[in-house]
Amino acid sequence: MAAERPSFPEIYITLARALAARSTCVVDRVGAVITSIDFRKVLAIGYRGNATGLPNVCDHPGPECGCLHAEENAIINCDAPRAEPKIAFATVLPCRACAKRLINLGGVQDLYIPHGADTDASVIDLLGSVGIRVHTVS
C-alpha cells in the first residue's frame, strides 16, 4: 500500500515553518510563502527579521521591535504581476497591515495558515471582503 502523499498546502506550510526558523526576531518567529495557484512555482518567500544589510537583531525590545514581518518580506520579494493569481501561506494569521499588503499585492486568492493558529475575525473578514479565502492546514 502506498504511503499517503502530503497535500501541497501541507508542503508549503512546512516550508513556511522551516523559513520561520531563520527568523532573527525575539518577538515572534514567522515564515511566509507565496506560490502560483497550481502550486508549481514558489513566487516568493519571507521570514520575520531586520532589513537586509542591517544587524540580525531587533531594533529594540518589545512587541514593536522594528523587524519586518514575514508576509511583508515575501510581498517585497514577489515580482509576479498583480494580475497573476497567487496563494499565500503563513505560519500565523497576518496582522491587519500585512493583510492589507497581501490585498495590494494583487491576485491573492487563498491564504493558508496552520490549524490551531490564533485567528482574528476582523482580519479574516477583511480578507474575505476582497475575495481572499482563509484556510487552515495541518
N, C-alpha and C. Protein backbone atom coordinates (compact mmCIF):
# COMPACT_ATOMS: atom_id res chain seq x y z
N MET A 1 0.84 -1.18 0.00
CA MET A 1 0.00 0.00 0.00
C MET A 1 0.89 1.25 0.00
N ALA A 2 0.58 2.20 -0.84
CA ALA A 2 1.37 3.42 -0.97
C ALA A 2 1.15 4.33 0.23
N ALA A 3 2.20 5.02 0.61
CA ALA A 3 2.10 5.98 1.70
C ALA A 3 1.24 7.16 1.26
N GLU A 4 0.53 7.75 2.20
CA GLU A 4 -0.30 8.91 1.87
C GLU A 4 0.60 10.09 1.54
N ARG A 5 0.32 10.72 0.41
CA ARG A 5 1.11 11.86 -0.02
C ARG A 5 0.61 13.13 0.66
N PRO A 6 1.53 13.99 1.09
CA PRO A 6 1.08 15.26 1.68
C PRO A 6 0.48 16.15 0.59
N SER A 7 -0.47 16.95 0.98
CA SER A 7 -1.07 17.92 0.05
C SER A 7 -0.07 19.05 -0.17
N PHE A 8 -0.26 19.80 -1.25
CA PHE A 8 0.60 20.96 -1.49
C PHE A 8 0.47 21.98 -0.36
N PRO A 9 -0.75 22.28 0.14
CA PRO A 9 -0.81 23.20 1.28
C PRO A 9 0.01 22.71 2.48
N GLU A 10 -0.01 21.41 2.74
CA GLU A 10 0.81 20.88 3.85
C GLU A 10 2.29 21.08 3.58
N ILE A 11 2.70 20.86 2.34
CA ILE A 11 4.11 21.04 1.98
C ILE A 11 4.54 22.49 2.16
N TYR A 12 3.71 23.43 1.70
CA TYR A 12 4.10 24.84 1.78
C TYR A 12 4.00 25.41 3.19
N ILE A 13 3.10 24.89 4.01
CA ILE A 13 3.09 25.29 5.43
C ILE A 13 4.37 24.77 6.10
N THR A 14 4.79 23.57 5.73
CA THR A 14 6.05 23.02 6.25
C THR A 14 7.22 23.91 5.83
N LEU A 15 7.22 24.37 4.58
CA LEU A 15 8.27 25.27 4.11
C LEU A 15 8.23 26.59 4.89
N ALA A 16 7.04 27.13 5.10
CA ALA A 16 6.91 28.38 5.87
C ALA A 16 7.45 28.19 7.29
N ARG A 17 7.17 27.04 7.89
CA ARG A 17 7.70 26.76 9.24
C ARG A 17 9.23 26.68 9.21
N ALA A 18 9.78 26.07 8.18
CA ALA A 18 11.24 26.00 8.06
C ALA A 18 11.84 27.40 7.89
N LEU A 19 11.18 28.24 7.11
CA LEU A 19 11.65 29.61 6.93
C LEU A 19 11.58 30.39 8.24
N ALA A 20 10.56 30.12 9.04
CA ALA A 20 10.43 30.80 10.34
C ALA A 20 11.64 30.53 11.22
N ALA A 21 12.27 29.38 11.04
CA ALA A 21 13.46 29.05 11.83
C ALA A 21 14.63 29.98 11.52
N ARG A 22 14.59 30.66 10.36
CA ARG A 22 15.63 31.64 10.01
C ARG A 22 15.39 33.00 10.65
N SER A 23 14.23 33.20 11.22
CA SER A 23 13.89 34.48 11.82
C SER A 23 14.88 34.86 12.91
N THR A 24 15.24 36.13 12.93
CA THR A 24 16.14 36.64 13.96
C THR A 24 15.40 37.49 14.98
N CYS A 25 14.10 37.54 14.89
CA CYS A 25 13.25 38.36 15.76
C CYS A 25 13.04 37.63 17.10
N VAL A 26 13.17 38.37 18.19
CA VAL A 26 12.94 37.77 19.51
C VAL A 26 11.45 37.79 19.89
N VAL A 27 10.65 38.56 19.18
CA VAL A 27 9.23 38.66 19.49
C VAL A 27 8.46 37.47 18.94
N ASP A 28 8.70 37.12 17.68
CA ASP A 28 7.97 36.02 17.05
C ASP A 28 8.76 35.53 15.85
N ARG A 29 8.77 34.22 15.67
CA ARG A 29 9.43 33.62 14.51
C ARG A 29 8.34 33.19 13.54
N VAL A 30 8.29 33.86 12.40
CA VAL A 30 7.21 33.66 11.42
C VAL A 30 7.82 33.46 10.04
N GLY A 31 7.19 32.58 9.25
CA GLY A 31 7.61 32.37 7.87
C GLY A 31 6.42 32.50 6.94
N ALA A 32 6.70 32.83 5.68
CA ALA A 32 5.63 33.00 4.68
C ALA A 32 6.14 32.55 3.31
N VAL A 33 5.19 32.06 2.52
CA VAL A 33 5.48 31.59 1.16
C VAL A 33 4.34 32.07 0.25
N ILE A 34 4.68 32.48 -0.96
CA ILE A 34 3.68 32.83 -1.96
C ILE A 34 3.94 31.93 -3.17
N THR A 35 2.88 31.27 -3.65
CA THR A 35 3.02 30.34 -4.78
C THR A 35 2.03 30.68 -5.89
N SER A 36 2.25 30.03 -7.02
CA SER A 36 1.26 30.07 -8.10
C SER A 36 0.05 29.25 -7.66
N ILE A 37 -1.09 29.46 -8.30
CA ILE A 37 -2.30 28.75 -7.85
C ILE A 37 -2.29 27.27 -8.17
N ASP A 38 -1.42 26.84 -9.08
CA ASP A 38 -1.31 25.41 -9.35
C ASP A 38 -0.24 24.76 -8.48
N PHE A 39 0.33 25.53 -7.55
CA PHE A 39 1.34 25.07 -6.58
C PHE A 39 2.66 24.68 -7.24
N ARG A 40 2.84 24.96 -8.53
CA ARG A 40 4.04 24.52 -9.24
C ARG A 40 5.24 25.46 -9.05
N LYS A 41 4.96 26.72 -8.69
CA LYS A 41 6.05 27.69 -8.57
C LYS A 41 5.99 28.40 -7.23
N VAL A 42 7.14 28.50 -6.59
CA VAL A 42 7.27 29.38 -5.43
C VAL A 42 7.61 30.76 -5.99
N LEU A 43 6.73 31.71 -5.75
CA LEU A 43 6.93 33.06 -6.28
C LEU A 43 7.76 33.93 -5.35
N ALA A 44 7.67 33.65 -4.04
CA ALA A 44 8.44 34.44 -3.06
C ALA A 44 8.40 33.76 -1.70
N ILE A 45 9.40 34.07 -0.90
CA ILE A 45 9.45 33.62 0.49
C ILE A 45 9.78 34.80 1.38
N GLY A 46 9.50 34.65 2.65
CA GLY A 46 9.87 35.69 3.62
C GLY A 46 9.86 35.12 5.02
N TYR A 47 10.59 35.78 5.89
CA TYR A 47 10.56 35.44 7.31
C TYR A 47 10.78 36.73 8.09
N ARG A 48 10.43 36.69 9.37
CA ARG A 48 10.48 37.89 10.19
C ARG A 48 11.92 38.20 10.58
N GLY A 49 12.33 39.44 10.36
CA GLY A 49 13.68 39.87 10.72
C GLY A 49 13.95 41.28 10.27
N ASN A 50 15.15 41.74 10.53
CA ASN A 50 15.54 43.09 10.19
C ASN A 50 15.77 43.21 8.68
N ALA A 51 15.89 44.42 8.20
CA ALA A 51 16.10 44.68 6.77
C ALA A 51 17.47 44.17 6.34
N THR A 52 17.56 43.78 5.08
CA THR A 52 18.82 43.29 4.51
C THR A 52 19.93 44.30 4.73
N GLY A 53 21.07 43.81 5.21
CA GLY A 53 22.22 44.67 5.44
C GLY A 53 22.31 45.24 6.84
N LEU A 54 21.20 45.18 7.59
CA LEU A 54 21.23 45.64 8.98
C LEU A 54 21.56 44.46 9.88
N PRO A 55 21.98 44.73 11.11
CA PRO A 55 22.30 43.62 12.02
C PRO A 55 21.10 42.69 12.21
N ASN A 56 21.37 41.40 12.34
CA ASN A 56 20.32 40.39 12.52
C ASN A 56 19.81 40.37 13.95
N VAL A 57 19.34 41.52 14.40
CA VAL A 57 18.76 41.67 15.74
C VAL A 57 17.59 42.63 15.64
N CYS A 58 16.72 42.58 16.64
CA CYS A 58 15.62 43.54 16.71
C CYS A 58 16.20 44.93 17.00
N ASP A 59 15.49 45.97 16.55
CA ASP A 59 15.95 47.33 16.81
C ASP A 59 15.85 47.68 18.29
N HIS A 60 14.81 47.14 18.96
CA HIS A 60 14.63 47.38 20.39
C HIS A 60 13.69 46.31 20.93
N PRO A 61 13.69 46.12 22.26
CA PRO A 61 12.83 45.08 22.84
C PRO A 61 11.36 45.50 22.79
N GLY A 62 10.50 44.55 22.91
CA GLY A 62 9.06 44.84 22.95
C GLY A 62 8.37 44.43 21.69
N PRO A 63 7.04 44.47 21.70
CA PRO A 63 6.26 43.98 20.56
C PRO A 63 6.49 44.76 19.27
N GLU A 64 6.84 46.01 19.37
CA GLU A 64 7.15 46.82 18.17
C GLU A 64 8.66 46.88 18.03
N CYS A 65 9.26 45.72 17.75
CA CYS A 65 10.72 45.57 17.76
C CYS A 65 11.41 46.16 16.54
N GLY A 66 10.66 46.48 15.51
CA GLY A 66 11.24 47.06 14.30
C GLY A 66 11.52 46.06 13.20
N CYS A 67 11.29 44.77 13.46
CA CYS A 67 11.54 43.76 12.42
C CYS A 67 10.44 43.81 11.36
N LEU A 68 10.82 43.49 10.14
CA LEU A 68 9.84 43.34 9.06
C LEU A 68 9.11 42.02 9.25
N HIS A 69 7.82 42.01 8.97
CA HIS A 69 7.03 40.79 9.09
C HIS A 69 7.32 39.85 7.93
N ALA A 70 7.11 38.56 8.17
CA ALA A 70 7.38 37.54 7.15
C ALA A 70 6.57 37.79 5.89
N GLU A 71 5.28 38.09 6.05
CA GLU A 71 4.42 38.33 4.90
C GLU A 71 4.90 39.57 4.12
N GLU A 72 5.31 40.58 4.87
CA GLU A 72 5.83 41.81 4.26
C GLU A 72 7.07 41.51 3.43
N ASN A 73 7.99 40.72 3.98
CA ASN A 73 9.19 40.34 3.23
C ASN A 73 8.86 39.52 1.99
N ALA A 74 7.90 38.59 2.12
CA ALA A 74 7.51 37.79 0.94
C ALA A 74 6.90 38.69 -0.13
N ILE A 75 6.09 39.65 0.27
CA ILE A 75 5.47 40.57 -0.69
C ILE A 75 6.54 41.42 -1.38
N ILE A 76 7.51 41.90 -0.60
CA ILE A 76 8.61 42.68 -1.18
C ILE A 76 9.38 41.84 -2.20
N ASN A 77 9.55 40.55 -1.89
CA ASN A 77 10.32 39.65 -2.76
C ASN A 77 9.53 39.14 -3.97
N CYS A 78 8.23 39.36 -3.99
CA CYS A 78 7.38 38.81 -5.06
C CYS A 78 7.36 39.76 -6.25
N ASP A 79 7.89 39.29 -7.37
CA ASP A 79 7.89 40.13 -8.56
C ASP A 79 6.88 39.67 -9.61
N ALA A 80 5.96 38.79 -9.19
CA ALA A 80 4.90 38.37 -10.11
C ALA A 80 3.94 39.53 -10.35
N PRO A 81 3.40 39.64 -11.55
CA PRO A 81 2.45 40.72 -11.85
C PRO A 81 1.23 40.69 -10.92
N ARG A 82 0.67 41.85 -10.66
CA ARG A 82 -0.51 41.95 -9.79
C ARG A 82 -1.63 41.02 -10.24
N ALA A 83 -1.84 40.93 -11.53
CA ALA A 83 -2.97 40.15 -12.05
C ALA A 83 -2.74 38.64 -11.97
N GLU A 84 -1.50 38.21 -11.75
CA GLU A 84 -1.23 36.77 -11.68
C GLU A 84 -1.85 36.18 -10.42
N PRO A 85 -2.67 35.15 -10.55
CA PRO A 85 -3.27 34.53 -9.38
C PRO A 85 -2.20 33.91 -8.46
N LYS A 86 -2.42 34.05 -7.14
CA LYS A 86 -1.44 33.60 -6.17
C LYS A 86 -2.12 32.94 -4.97
N ILE A 87 -1.33 32.13 -4.26
CA ILE A 87 -1.76 31.56 -2.99
C ILE A 87 -0.68 31.92 -1.98
N ALA A 88 -1.10 32.34 -0.79
CA ALA A 88 -0.16 32.70 0.27
C ALA A 88 -0.26 31.70 1.42
N PHE A 89 0.85 31.49 2.08
CA PHE A 89 0.95 30.61 3.23
C PHE A 89 1.71 31.36 4.31
N ALA A 90 1.26 31.26 5.55
CA ALA A 90 1.96 31.91 6.66
C ALA A 90 1.81 31.06 7.91
N THR A 91 2.80 31.14 8.77
CA THR A 91 2.76 30.34 9.99
C THR A 91 1.85 30.95 11.05
N VAL A 92 1.37 32.16 10.83
CA VAL A 92 0.38 32.81 11.69
C VAL A 92 -0.60 33.57 10.79
N LEU A 93 -1.75 33.92 11.33
CA LEU A 93 -2.65 34.81 10.59
C LEU A 93 -1.98 36.17 10.53
N PRO A 94 -1.85 36.75 9.35
CA PRO A 94 -1.19 38.06 9.25
C PRO A 94 -1.89 39.13 10.09
N CYS A 95 -1.10 40.10 10.52
CA CYS A 95 -1.69 41.26 11.19
C CYS A 95 -2.54 42.01 10.16
N ARG A 96 -3.30 42.97 10.63
CA ARG A 96 -4.19 43.72 9.74
C ARG A 96 -3.40 44.44 8.63
N ALA A 97 -2.25 45.03 8.99
CA ALA A 97 -1.44 45.75 8.00
C ALA A 97 -0.91 44.79 6.93
N CYS A 98 -0.44 43.61 7.35
CA CYS A 98 0.07 42.65 6.36
C CYS A 98 -1.07 42.06 5.53
N ALA A 99 -2.26 41.93 6.11
CA ALA A 99 -3.42 41.50 5.33
C ALA A 99 -3.68 42.52 4.22
N LYS A 100 -3.57 43.80 4.54
CA LYS A 100 -3.77 44.84 3.53
C LYS A 100 -2.65 44.80 2.48
N ARG A 101 -1.45 44.46 2.90
CA ARG A 101 -0.34 44.32 1.95
C ARG A 101 -0.60 43.16 0.99
N LEU A 102 -1.13 42.05 1.51
CA LEU A 102 -1.49 40.92 0.64
C LEU A 102 -2.56 41.33 -0.36
N ILE A 103 -3.52 42.13 0.10
CA ILE A 103 -4.56 42.63 -0.80
C ILE A 103 -3.92 43.47 -1.91
N ASN A 104 -3.02 44.37 -1.53
CA ASN A 104 -2.38 45.24 -2.51
C ASN A 104 -1.43 44.51 -3.44
N LEU A 105 -0.90 43.36 -3.01
CA LEU A 105 -0.05 42.56 -3.89
C LEU A 105 -0.81 42.19 -5.16
N GLY A 106 -2.10 41.96 -4.99
CA GLY A 106 -2.95 41.61 -6.13
C GLY A 106 -2.86 40.14 -6.46
N GLY A 107 -3.98 39.59 -6.87
CA GLY A 107 -4.03 38.22 -7.33
C GLY A 107 -4.12 37.15 -6.26
N VAL A 108 -3.98 37.52 -4.98
CA VAL A 108 -4.04 36.51 -3.93
C VAL A 108 -5.47 36.00 -3.81
N GLN A 109 -5.63 34.71 -3.98
CA GLN A 109 -6.96 34.10 -3.93
C GLN A 109 -7.21 33.36 -2.63
N ASP A 110 -6.14 32.78 -2.07
CA ASP A 110 -6.28 31.97 -0.86
C ASP A 110 -5.10 32.24 0.06
N LEU A 111 -5.36 32.11 1.36
CA LEU A 111 -4.33 32.19 2.38
C LEU A 111 -4.47 30.96 3.25
N TYR A 112 -3.38 30.25 3.45
CA TYR A 112 -3.36 29.08 4.32
C TYR A 112 -2.54 29.40 5.57
N ILE A 113 -3.11 29.04 6.72
CA ILE A 113 -2.42 29.16 8.00
C ILE A 113 -2.54 27.82 8.71
N PRO A 114 -1.67 27.55 9.68
CA PRO A 114 -1.75 26.26 10.37
C PRO A 114 -3.04 26.13 11.18
N HIS A 115 -3.54 24.91 11.21
CA HIS A 115 -4.69 24.60 12.07
C HIS A 115 -4.30 24.93 13.51
N GLY A 116 -5.16 25.61 14.22
CA GLY A 116 -4.89 25.96 15.61
C GLY A 116 -4.21 27.30 15.79
N ALA A 117 -3.83 27.98 14.68
CA ALA A 117 -3.22 29.31 14.80
C ALA A 117 -4.24 30.29 15.36
N ASP A 118 -3.75 31.27 16.10
CA ASP A 118 -4.65 32.31 16.60
C ASP A 118 -5.32 32.99 15.42
N THR A 119 -6.59 33.30 15.57
CA THR A 119 -7.31 33.97 14.49
C THR A 119 -7.94 35.25 15.00
N ASP A 120 -8.09 36.17 14.13
CA ASP A 120 -8.74 37.45 14.39
C ASP A 120 -9.84 37.59 13.34
N ALA A 121 -11.08 37.50 13.80
CA ALA A 121 -12.21 37.54 12.87
C ALA A 121 -12.18 38.79 11.99
N SER A 122 -11.71 39.91 12.52
CA SER A 122 -11.71 41.14 11.72
C SER A 122 -10.73 41.03 10.55
N VAL A 123 -9.60 40.34 10.74
CA VAL A 123 -8.63 40.16 9.65
C VAL A 123 -9.21 39.19 8.62
N ILE A 124 -9.81 38.12 9.09
CA ILE A 124 -10.43 37.15 8.17
C ILE A 124 -11.55 37.82 7.38
N ASP A 125 -12.36 38.65 8.05
CA ASP A 125 -13.43 39.38 7.36
C ASP A 125 -12.86 40.36 6.35
N LEU A 126 -11.77 41.05 6.70
CA LEU A 126 -11.13 41.99 5.79
C LEU A 126 -10.67 41.27 4.52
N LEU A 127 -9.97 40.16 4.69
CA LEU A 127 -9.51 39.39 3.53
C LEU A 127 -10.69 38.87 2.72
N GLY A 128 -11.70 38.37 3.40
CA GLY A 128 -12.89 37.87 2.72
C GLY A 128 -13.63 38.94 1.95
N SER A 129 -13.55 40.17 2.42
CA SER A 129 -14.28 41.26 1.75
C SER A 129 -13.76 41.52 0.34
N VAL A 130 -12.52 41.07 0.05
CA VAL A 130 -11.96 41.23 -1.29
C VAL A 130 -11.80 39.87 -1.98
N GLY A 131 -12.40 38.84 -1.40
CA GLY A 131 -12.40 37.53 -2.05
C GLY A 131 -11.26 36.60 -1.70
N ILE A 132 -10.43 36.97 -0.72
CA ILE A 132 -9.34 36.09 -0.31
C ILE A 132 -9.89 35.13 0.75
N ARG A 133 -9.84 33.84 0.43
CA ARG A 133 -10.34 32.82 1.33
C ARG A 133 -9.22 32.38 2.28
N VAL A 134 -9.58 32.20 3.57
CA VAL A 134 -8.61 31.76 4.57
C VAL A 134 -8.91 30.31 4.91
N HIS A 135 -7.86 29.48 4.83
CA HIS A 135 -7.98 28.04 5.11
C HIS A 135 -6.99 27.67 6.20
N THR A 136 -7.30 26.61 6.93
CA THR A 136 -6.32 26.06 7.86
C THR A 136 -5.84 24.72 7.34
N VAL A 137 -4.61 24.39 7.69
CA VAL A 137 -3.99 23.14 7.23
C VAL A 137 -3.11 22.61 8.35
N SER A 138 -2.99 21.29 8.38
CA SER A 138 -2.16 20.66 9.45
C SER A 138 -0.70 20.94 9.23
